[in-house]
C-alpha atoms as a PDB file:
ATOM      1  CA  UNK A   1     125.532-160.560  89.598  1.00  0.00           C
ATOM      2  CA  UNK A   2     128.730-162.563  89.091  1.00  0.00           C
ATOM      3  CA  UNK A   3     130.903-164.361  91.536  1.00  0.00           C
ATOM      4  CA  UNK A   4     133.947-163.053  93.395  1.00  0.00           C
ATOM      5  CA  UNK A   5     137.072-164.255  95.056  1.00  0.00           C
ATOM      6  CA  UNK A   6     137.820-162.755  98.472  1.00  0.00           C
ATOM      7  CA  UNK A   7     141.310-162.827  99.941  1.00  0.00           C
ATOM      8  CA  UNK A   8     141.284-162.489 103.720  1.00  0.00           C
ATOM      9  CA  UNK A   9     143.491-163.197 106.686  1.00  0.00           C
ATOM     10  CA  UNK A  10     142.897-166.058 109.145  1.00  0.00           C
ATOM     11  CA  UNK A  11     143.255-165.525 112.864  1.00  0.00           C
ATOM     12  CA  UNK A  12     146.894-166.701 112.644  1.00  0.00           C
ATOM     13  CA  UNK A  13     147.684-164.064 110.025  1.00  0.00           C
ATOM     14  CA  UNK A  14     147.859-166.608 107.203  1.00  0.00           C
ATOM     15  CA  UNK A  15     145.986-165.924 103.987  1.00  0.00           C
ATOM     16  CA  UNK A  16     142.816-167.676 102.714  1.00  0.00           C
ATOM     17  CA  UNK A  17     140.518-167.195  99.763  1.00  0.00           C
ATOM     18  CA  UNK A  18     136.805-167.849  99.366  1.00  0.00           C
ATOM     19  CA  UNK A  19     134.930-168.018  96.096  1.00  0.00           C
ATOM     20  CA  UNK A  20     131.438-166.614  96.472  1.00  0.00           C
ATOM     21  CA  UNK A  21     128.551-166.982  94.056  1.00  0.00           C
ATOM     22  CA  UNK A  22     126.578-163.974  92.808  1.00  0.00           C
ATOM     23  CA  UNK A  23     124.202-164.427  95.729  1.00  0.00           C
ATOM     24  CA  UNK A  24     127.033-164.127  98.279  1.00  0.00           C
ATOM     25  CA  UNK A  25     127.116-167.762  99.300  1.00  0.00           C
ATOM     26  CA  UNK A  26     130.553-169.327  99.722  1.00  0.00           C
ATOM     27  CA  UNK A  27     130.995-172.070  97.109  1.00  0.00           C
ATOM     28  CA  UNK A  28     134.704-172.891  97.566  1.00  0.00           C
ATOM     29  CA  UNK A  29     137.178-172.203 100.340  1.00  0.00           C
ATOM     30  CA  UNK A  30     140.948-172.584 100.394  1.00  0.00           C
ATOM     31  CA  UNK A  31     143.510-173.946 102.774  1.00  0.00           C
ATOM     32  CA  UNK A  32     145.760-171.456 104.506  1.00  0.00           C
ATOM     33  CA  UNK A  33     148.669-169.884 102.741  1.00  0.00           C
ATOM     34  CA  UNK A  34     151.714-168.239 104.434  1.00  0.00           C
ATOM     35  CA  UNK A  35     151.942-165.457 101.821  1.00  0.00           C
ATOM     36  CA  UNK A  36     149.438-163.382  99.892  1.00  0.00           C
ATOM     37  CA  UNK A  37     151.300-164.264  96.672  1.00  0.00           C
ATOM     38  CA  UNK A  38     150.765-167.958  97.270  1.00  0.00           C
ATOM     39  CA  UNK A  39     147.102-167.335  97.958  1.00  0.00           C
ATOM     40  CA  UNK A  40     146.802-165.427  94.679  1.00  0.00           C
ATOM     41  CA  UNK A  41     148.498-168.357  92.880  1.00  0.00           C
ATOM     42  CA  UNK A  42     145.836-170.649  94.448  1.00  0.00           C
ATOM     43  CA  UNK A  43     143.076-168.390  92.989  1.00  0.00           C
ATOM     44  CA  UNK A  44     144.776-168.590  89.560  1.00  0.00           C
ATOM     45  CA  UNK A  45     144.823-172.330  89.879  1.00  0.00           C
ATOM     46  CA  UNK A  46     141.111-172.449  90.678  1.00  0.00           C
ATOM     47  CA  UNK A  47     140.361-170.264  87.639  1.00  0.00           C
ATOM     48  CA  UNK A  48     142.333-172.637  85.451  1.00  0.00           C
ATOM     49  CA  UNK A  49     141.197-175.950  86.929  1.00  0.00           C
ATOM     50  CA  UNK A  50     137.497-175.286  87.615  1.00  0.00           C
ATOM     51  CA  UNK A  51     136.416-175.716  84.016  1.00  0.00           C
ATOM     52  CA  UNK A  52     137.291-179.451  83.847  1.00  0.00           C
ATOM     53  CA  UNK A  53     134.810-181.748  85.638  1.00  0.00           C
ATOM     54  CA  UNK A  54     137.619-184.346  86.159  1.00  0.00           C
ATOM     55  CA  UNK A  55     139.277-181.944  88.584  1.00  0.00           C
ATOM     56  CA  UNK A  56     136.362-182.174  91.022  1.00  0.00           C
ATOM     57  CA  UNK A  57     136.484-185.063  93.462  1.00  0.00           C
ATOM     58  CA  UNK A  58     133.110-185.869  94.905  1.00  0.00           C
ATOM     59  CA  UNK A  59     133.061-187.143  98.536  1.00  0.00           C
ATOM     60  CA  UNK A  60     130.724-188.191 101.261  1.00  0.00           C
ATOM     61  CA  UNK A  61     131.387-187.332 104.887  1.00  0.00           C
ATOM     62  CA  UNK A  62     130.923-189.776 107.768  1.00  0.00           C
ATOM     63  CA  UNK A  63     127.558-188.081 108.522  1.00  0.00           C
ATOM     64  CA  UNK A  64     126.433-188.839 104.954  1.00  0.00           C
ATOM     65  CA  UNK A  65     126.603-185.250 103.766  1.00  0.00           C
ATOM     66  CA  UNK A  66     128.132-184.618 100.331  1.00  0.00           C
ATOM     67  CA  UNK A  67     131.017-182.249  99.498  1.00  0.00           C
ATOM     68  CA  UNK A  68     133.673-181.810  96.822  1.00  0.00           C
ATOM     69  CA  UNK A  69     137.256-180.825  96.512  1.00  0.00           C
ATOM     70  CA  UNK A  70     138.851-179.133  93.528  1.00  0.00           C
ATOM     71  CA  UNK A  71     142.305-180.410  92.590  1.00  0.00           C
ATOM     72  CA  UNK A  72     145.047-178.957  90.455  1.00  0.00           C
ATOM     73  CA  UNK A  73     146.735-180.879  87.657  1.00  0.00           C
ATOM     74  CA  UNK A  74     149.317-182.127  90.218  1.00  0.00           C
ATOM     75  CA  UNK A  75     146.388-183.617  92.242  1.00  0.00           C
ATOM     76  CA  UNK A  76     146.884-181.122  95.088  1.00  0.00           C
ATOM     77  CA  UNK A  77     143.684-179.903  96.677  1.00  0.00           C
ATOM     78  CA  UNK A  78     143.123-176.205  96.019  1.00  0.00           C
ATOM     79  CA  UNK A  79     139.665-175.740  97.476  1.00  0.00           C
ATOM     80  CA  UNK A  80     136.828-177.445  99.298  1.00  0.00           C
ATOM     81  CA  UNK A  81     133.109-176.934  99.261  1.00  0.00           C
ATOM     82  CA  UNK A  82     130.627-176.554 102.027  1.00  0.00           C
ATOM     83  CA  UNK A  83     128.658-179.648 103.096  1.00  0.00           C
ATOM     84  CA  UNK A  84     125.470-180.491 101.141  1.00  0.00           C
ATOM     85  CA  UNK A  85     122.505-182.555 102.266  1.00  0.00           C
ATOM     86  CA  UNK A  86     122.219-184.244  98.831  1.00  0.00           C
ATOM     87  CA  UNK A  87     124.296-185.228  95.813  1.00  0.00           C
ATOM     88  CA  UNK A  88     122.183-182.914  93.690  1.00  0.00           C
ATOM     89  CA  UNK A  89     123.052-180.003  95.910  1.00  0.00           C
ATOM     90  CA  UNK A  90     126.741-180.855  95.603  1.00  0.00           C
ATOM     91  CA  UNK A  91     126.485-181.115  91.798  1.00  0.00           C
ATOM     92  CA  UNK A  92     124.849-177.635  91.763  1.00  0.00           C
ATOM     93  CA  UNK A  93     127.764-176.380  93.818  1.00  0.00           C
ATOM     94  CA  UNK A  94     130.258-177.828  91.294  1.00  0.00           C
ATOM     95  CA  UNK A  95     128.382-176.214  88.435  1.00  0.00           C
ATOM     96  CA  UNK A  96     128.430-172.925  90.314  1.00  0.00           C
ATOM     97  CA  UNK A  97     132.208-173.046  90.802  1.00  0.00           C
ATOM     98  CA  UNK A  98     132.749-173.928  87.173  1.00  0.00           C
ATOM     99  CA  UNK A  99     130.495-171.047  86.099  1.00  0.00           C
ATOM    100  CA  UNK A 100     131.789-168.386  88.535  1.00  0.00           C
ATOM    101  CA  UNK A 101     135.544-169.000  89.006  1.00  0.00           C
ATOM    102  CA  UNK A 102     136.894-168.195  85.537  1.00  0.00           C
ATOM    103  CA  UNK A 103     135.581-164.630  85.496  1.00  0.00           C
ATOM    104  CA  UNK A 104     135.160-163.851  89.192  1.00  0.00           C
ATOM    105  CA  UNK A 105     136.518-160.520  90.327  1.00  0.00           C
ATOM    106  CA  UNK A 106     139.108-160.419  93.064  1.00  0.00           C
ATOM    107  CA  UNK A 107     138.416-158.528  96.266  1.00  0.00           C
ATOM    108  CA  UNK A 108     141.255-158.075  98.742  1.00  0.00           C
ATOM    109  CA  UNK A 109     139.962-157.793 102.325  1.00  0.00           C
ATOM    110  CA  UNK A 110     143.391-157.753 103.951  1.00  0.00           C
END
């Protein structure tokens, strides 16, 4: 089963997307967008930028958990991962985004 992007509305009526792996787990989540079109552009940017490892910025939170952000060519963050207990878990998450994002189907939940 392959991954999918879901477009949804936040409680304030702004648009968000989530990239889910084939098992249904969220592997990347977006910021909020004021329009659906801008949200769709964010998804296109993830598709394009997720194949280059240099676009992933690896981070460690104050509580020592690991996470990553995916950046576009202009260095703007286009998505953030969940928190991982280990660096290995984070690296698996990055690999999952790289594998799923380019061909993930789009599901509009709005």
